Amino acid sequence: MANIKSQKKRILTNAKAAERNKAVRSELKRRTKTAVNTIGEEGNEDAVRSAIKRIDTAARRGVIHKNTAARKKSRLMRKVNAAAA
């Protein structure tokens, strides 16, 4: 355990941030999986749009890197377009 007061505070704030990031990543995975599973079904556009929105939000908040977000969106859209063709 840290002895320095500022380090004790950093430990607490890092734990809070990690918990928030875990929730965001979990939702990101869930939305992406839902979008992939609904490919070719009615209302798929909403699921894809929602997944992309969550990916962008996570990148903006710094939960994931912007290039990771771009890669995830690209792979999702590739799957959607392949199913439409």
N, C-alpha and C. Protein backbone atom coordinates (compact mmCIF):
# COMPACT_ATOMS: atom_id res chain seq x y z
N MET A 1 0.84 -1.19 0.00
CA MET A 1 0.00 0.00 0.00
C MET A 1 0.89 1.25 0.00
N ALA A 2 0.44 2.25 -0.71
CA ALA A 2 1.21 3.48 -0.83
C ALA A 2 1.17 4.28 0.48
N ASN A 3 2.23 5.02 0.72
CA ASN A 3 2.30 5.88 1.90
C ASN A 3 1.96 7.33 1.57
N ILE A 4 2.13 7.69 0.31
CA ILE A 4 1.94 9.08 -0.10
C ILE A 4 0.46 9.33 -0.37
N LYS A 5 -0.01 10.46 0.14
CA LYS A 5 -1.45 10.78 0.07
C LYS A 5 -1.94 10.86 -1.37
N SER A 6 -1.18 11.50 -2.23
CA SER A 6 -1.61 11.65 -3.62
C SER A 6 -1.65 10.29 -4.33
N GLN A 7 -0.74 9.41 -3.96
CA GLN A 7 -0.75 8.08 -4.57
C GLN A 7 -1.94 7.26 -4.10
N LYS A 8 -2.33 7.43 -2.86
CA LYS A 8 -3.52 6.74 -2.35
C LYS A 8 -4.75 7.19 -3.13
N LYS A 9 -4.80 8.50 -3.40
CA LYS A 9 -5.93 9.05 -4.16
C LYS A 9 -5.91 8.52 -5.59
N ARG A 10 -4.72 8.43 -6.20
CA ARG A 10 -4.62 7.91 -7.57
C ARG A 10 -5.09 6.47 -7.65
N ILE A 11 -4.79 5.68 -6.62
CA ILE A 11 -5.23 4.28 -6.59
C ILE A 11 -6.75 4.22 -6.62
N LEU A 12 -7.40 5.08 -5.84
CA LEU A 12 -8.87 5.10 -5.80
C LEU A 12 -9.46 5.57 -7.13
N THR A 13 -8.89 6.64 -7.69
CA THR A 13 -9.44 7.15 -8.94
C THR A 13 -9.19 6.20 -10.10
N ASN A 14 -8.04 5.52 -10.08
CA ASN A 14 -7.76 4.54 -11.13
C ASN A 14 -8.73 3.37 -11.07
N ALA A 15 -9.09 2.98 -9.85
CA ALA A 15 -10.06 1.88 -9.69
C ALA A 15 -11.42 2.29 -10.24
N LYS A 16 -11.83 3.53 -9.98
CA LYS A 16 -13.11 4.02 -10.51
C LYS A 16 -13.10 4.06 -12.03
N ALA A 17 -11.99 4.55 -12.59
CA ALA A 17 -11.89 4.64 -14.05
C ALA A 17 -11.89 3.25 -14.67
N ALA A 18 -11.20 2.32 -14.04
CA ALA A 18 -11.16 0.95 -14.56
C ALA A 18 -12.55 0.33 -14.56
N GLU A 19 -13.32 0.60 -13.53
CA GLU A 19 -14.69 0.08 -13.45
C GLU A 19 -15.56 0.68 -14.55
N ARG A 20 -15.41 1.99 -14.78
CA ARG A 20 -16.17 2.64 -15.84
C ARG A 20 -15.76 2.10 -17.21
N ASN A 21 -14.46 1.95 -17.43
CA ASN A 21 -13.97 1.45 -18.71
C ASN A 21 -14.46 0.03 -18.96
N LYS A 22 -14.50 -0.79 -17.92
CA LYS A 22 -14.97 -2.16 -18.06
C LYS A 22 -16.43 -2.18 -18.50
N ALA A 23 -17.23 -1.29 -17.93
CA ALA A 23 -18.65 -1.22 -18.31
C ALA A 23 -18.80 -0.78 -19.76
N VAL A 24 -18.01 0.19 -20.19
CA VAL A 24 -18.10 0.69 -21.56
C VAL A 24 -17.67 -0.39 -22.55
N ARG A 25 -16.58 -1.09 -22.24
CA ARG A 25 -16.11 -2.16 -23.13
C ARG A 25 -17.11 -3.29 -23.22
N SER A 26 -17.74 -3.60 -22.10
CA SER A 26 -18.74 -4.67 -22.08
C SER A 26 -19.92 -4.31 -22.96
N GLU A 27 -20.40 -3.07 -22.84
CA GLU A 27 -21.51 -2.63 -23.66
C GLU A 27 -21.12 -2.59 -25.14
N LEU A 28 -19.89 -2.19 -25.41
CA LEU A 28 -19.38 -2.16 -26.77
C LEU A 28 -19.42 -3.54 -27.40
N LYS A 29 -18.94 -4.54 -26.68
CA LYS A 29 -18.96 -5.92 -27.18
C LYS A 29 -20.39 -6.41 -27.39
N ARG A 30 -21.27 -6.09 -26.45
CA ARG A 30 -22.66 -6.53 -26.54
C ARG A 30 -23.35 -5.91 -27.75
N ARG A 31 -23.17 -4.62 -27.97
CA ARG A 31 -23.81 -3.94 -29.11
C ARG A 31 -23.27 -4.47 -30.44
N THR A 32 -21.95 -4.71 -30.48
CA THR A 32 -21.35 -5.22 -31.71
C THR A 32 -21.85 -6.62 -32.02
N LYS A 33 -21.91 -7.46 -31.00
CA LYS A 33 -22.38 -8.83 -31.19
C LYS A 33 -23.84 -8.84 -31.64
N THR A 34 -24.66 -7.96 -31.06
CA THR A 34 -26.06 -7.85 -31.46
C THR A 34 -26.17 -7.43 -32.92
N ALA A 35 -25.35 -6.46 -33.32
CA ALA A 35 -25.37 -5.99 -34.71
C ALA A 35 -24.98 -7.10 -35.67
N VAL A 36 -23.98 -7.89 -35.32
CA VAL A 36 -23.54 -8.98 -36.19
C VAL A 36 -24.61 -10.07 -36.26
N ASN A 37 -25.23 -10.38 -35.12
CA ASN A 37 -26.24 -11.44 -35.09
C ASN A 37 -27.53 -11.06 -35.81
N THR A 38 -27.80 -9.78 -35.95
CA THR A 38 -29.03 -9.35 -36.60
C THR A 38 -28.84 -9.01 -38.07
N ILE A 39 -27.67 -9.35 -38.62
CA ILE A 39 -27.41 -9.06 -40.03
C ILE A 39 -28.43 -9.81 -40.88
N GLY A 40 -29.05 -9.09 -41.79
CA GLY A 40 -30.04 -9.69 -42.68
C GLY A 40 -31.44 -9.69 -42.11
N GLU A 41 -31.61 -9.20 -40.90
CA GLU A 41 -32.93 -9.16 -40.29
C GLU A 41 -33.51 -7.76 -40.36
N GLU A 42 -34.77 -7.68 -40.01
CA GLU A 42 -35.46 -6.40 -39.94
C GLU A 42 -34.91 -5.60 -38.75
N GLY A 43 -34.63 -4.33 -38.93
CA GLY A 43 -34.12 -3.50 -37.84
C GLY A 43 -32.62 -3.61 -37.63
N ASN A 44 -31.92 -4.20 -38.59
CA ASN A 44 -30.47 -4.36 -38.47
C ASN A 44 -29.77 -3.00 -38.51
N GLU A 45 -30.31 -2.08 -39.28
CA GLU A 45 -29.67 -0.76 -39.41
C GLU A 45 -29.56 -0.07 -38.06
N ASP A 46 -30.61 -0.21 -37.23
CA ASP A 46 -30.57 0.41 -35.91
C ASP A 46 -29.49 -0.20 -35.03
N ALA A 47 -29.35 -1.53 -35.10
CA ALA A 47 -28.34 -2.21 -34.30
C ALA A 47 -26.93 -1.81 -34.73
N VAL A 48 -26.72 -1.71 -36.04
CA VAL A 48 -25.41 -1.32 -36.56
C VAL A 48 -25.11 0.13 -36.19
N ARG A 49 -26.09 0.99 -36.35
CA ARG A 49 -25.91 2.40 -36.02
C ARG A 49 -25.59 2.57 -34.53
N SER A 50 -26.28 1.81 -33.69
CA SER A 50 -26.06 1.87 -32.26
C SER A 50 -24.65 1.38 -31.90
N ALA A 51 -24.21 0.31 -32.55
CA ALA A 51 -22.86 -0.22 -32.29
C ALA A 51 -21.80 0.80 -32.69
N ILE A 52 -21.97 1.41 -33.84
CA ILE A 52 -20.99 2.40 -34.31
C ILE A 52 -20.96 3.61 -33.39
N LYS A 53 -22.12 4.01 -32.91
CA LYS A 53 -22.19 5.14 -31.99
C LYS A 53 -21.43 4.84 -30.70
N ARG A 54 -21.60 3.62 -30.19
CA ARG A 54 -20.90 3.23 -28.95
C ARG A 54 -19.38 3.14 -29.18
N ILE A 55 -18.98 2.67 -30.35
CA ILE A 55 -17.55 2.58 -30.66
C ILE A 55 -16.95 3.99 -30.69
N ASP A 56 -17.65 4.92 -31.35
CA ASP A 56 -17.16 6.30 -31.43
C ASP A 56 -17.09 6.94 -30.05
N THR A 57 -18.10 6.69 -29.23
CA THR A 57 -18.14 7.26 -27.89
C THR A 57 -16.97 6.73 -27.05
N ALA A 58 -16.71 5.44 -27.14
CA ALA A 58 -15.60 4.85 -26.38
C ALA A 58 -14.27 5.45 -26.82
N ALA A 59 -14.11 5.67 -28.12
CA ALA A 59 -12.86 6.26 -28.62
C ALA A 59 -12.74 7.70 -28.16
N ARG A 60 -13.83 8.43 -28.17
CA ARG A 60 -13.79 9.83 -27.76
C ARG A 60 -13.45 9.96 -26.28
N ARG A 61 -13.94 9.04 -25.46
CA ARG A 61 -13.68 9.08 -24.03
C ARG A 61 -12.31 8.50 -23.66
N GLY A 62 -11.63 7.91 -24.62
CA GLY A 62 -10.31 7.37 -24.35
C GLY A 62 -10.31 5.96 -23.81
N VAL A 63 -11.46 5.28 -23.89
CA VAL A 63 -11.53 3.90 -23.43
C VAL A 63 -10.79 2.99 -24.39
N ILE A 64 -10.96 3.25 -25.69
CA ILE A 64 -10.21 2.52 -26.70
C ILE A 64 -9.50 3.54 -27.59
N HIS A 65 -8.46 3.09 -28.27
CA HIS A 65 -7.70 3.97 -29.16
C HIS A 65 -8.52 4.26 -30.41
N LYS A 66 -8.29 5.41 -31.03
CA LYS A 66 -9.08 5.80 -32.20
C LYS A 66 -8.87 4.85 -33.37
N ASN A 67 -7.65 4.30 -33.51
CA ASN A 67 -7.41 3.34 -34.59
C ASN A 67 -8.12 2.02 -34.33
N THR A 68 -8.23 1.64 -33.08
CA THR A 68 -8.98 0.44 -32.71
C THR A 68 -10.44 0.63 -33.05
N ALA A 69 -10.96 1.82 -32.77
CA ALA A 69 -12.36 2.12 -33.10
C ALA A 69 -12.57 2.04 -34.61
N ALA A 70 -11.64 2.60 -35.37
CA ALA A 70 -11.77 2.57 -36.83
C ALA A 70 -11.73 1.14 -37.35
N ARG A 71 -10.87 0.32 -36.77
CA ARG A 71 -10.78 -1.08 -37.18
C ARG A 71 -12.05 -1.85 -36.87
N LYS A 72 -12.60 -1.62 -35.68
CA LYS A 72 -13.84 -2.31 -35.29
C LYS A 72 -15.00 -1.91 -36.20
N LYS A 73 -15.10 -0.62 -36.52
CA LYS A 73 -16.17 -0.15 -37.40
C LYS A 73 -16.00 -0.71 -38.80
N SER A 74 -14.76 -0.76 -39.26
CA SER A 74 -14.49 -1.28 -40.60
C SER A 74 -14.88 -2.75 -40.71
N ARG A 75 -14.50 -3.53 -39.71
CA ARG A 75 -14.82 -4.96 -39.73
C ARG A 75 -16.32 -5.20 -39.63
N LEU A 76 -16.99 -4.39 -38.82
CA LEU A 76 -18.44 -4.52 -38.70
C LEU A 76 -19.12 -4.20 -40.02
N MET A 77 -18.72 -3.12 -40.66
CA MET A 77 -19.34 -2.73 -41.92
C MET A 77 -19.03 -3.73 -43.03
N ARG A 78 -17.83 -4.33 -42.98
CA ARG A 78 -17.49 -5.35 -43.97
C ARG A 78 -18.43 -6.54 -43.86
N LYS A 79 -18.73 -6.93 -42.63
CA LYS A 79 -19.67 -8.05 -42.43
C LYS A 79 -21.07 -7.70 -42.90
N VAL A 80 -21.50 -6.49 -42.59
CA VAL A 80 -22.84 -6.04 -43.01
C VAL A 80 -22.94 -6.00 -44.52
N ASN A 81 -21.94 -5.43 -45.18
CA ASN A 81 -21.96 -5.31 -46.63
C ASN A 81 -21.84 -6.66 -47.34
N ALA A 82 -21.08 -7.57 -46.74
CA ALA A 82 -20.95 -8.90 -47.32
C ALA A 82 -22.28 -9.65 -47.27
N ALA A 83 -23.02 -9.45 -46.19
CA ALA A 83 -24.32 -10.12 -46.07
C ALA A 83 -25.34 -9.50 -47.02
N ALA A 84 -25.22 -8.21 -47.27
CA ALA A 84 -26.17 -7.54 -48.17
C ALA A 84 -25.92 -7.91 -49.61
N ALA A 85 -24.69 -8.26 -49.96
CA ALA A 85 -24.36 -8.58 -51.34
C ALA A 85 -24.83 -9.96 -51.75
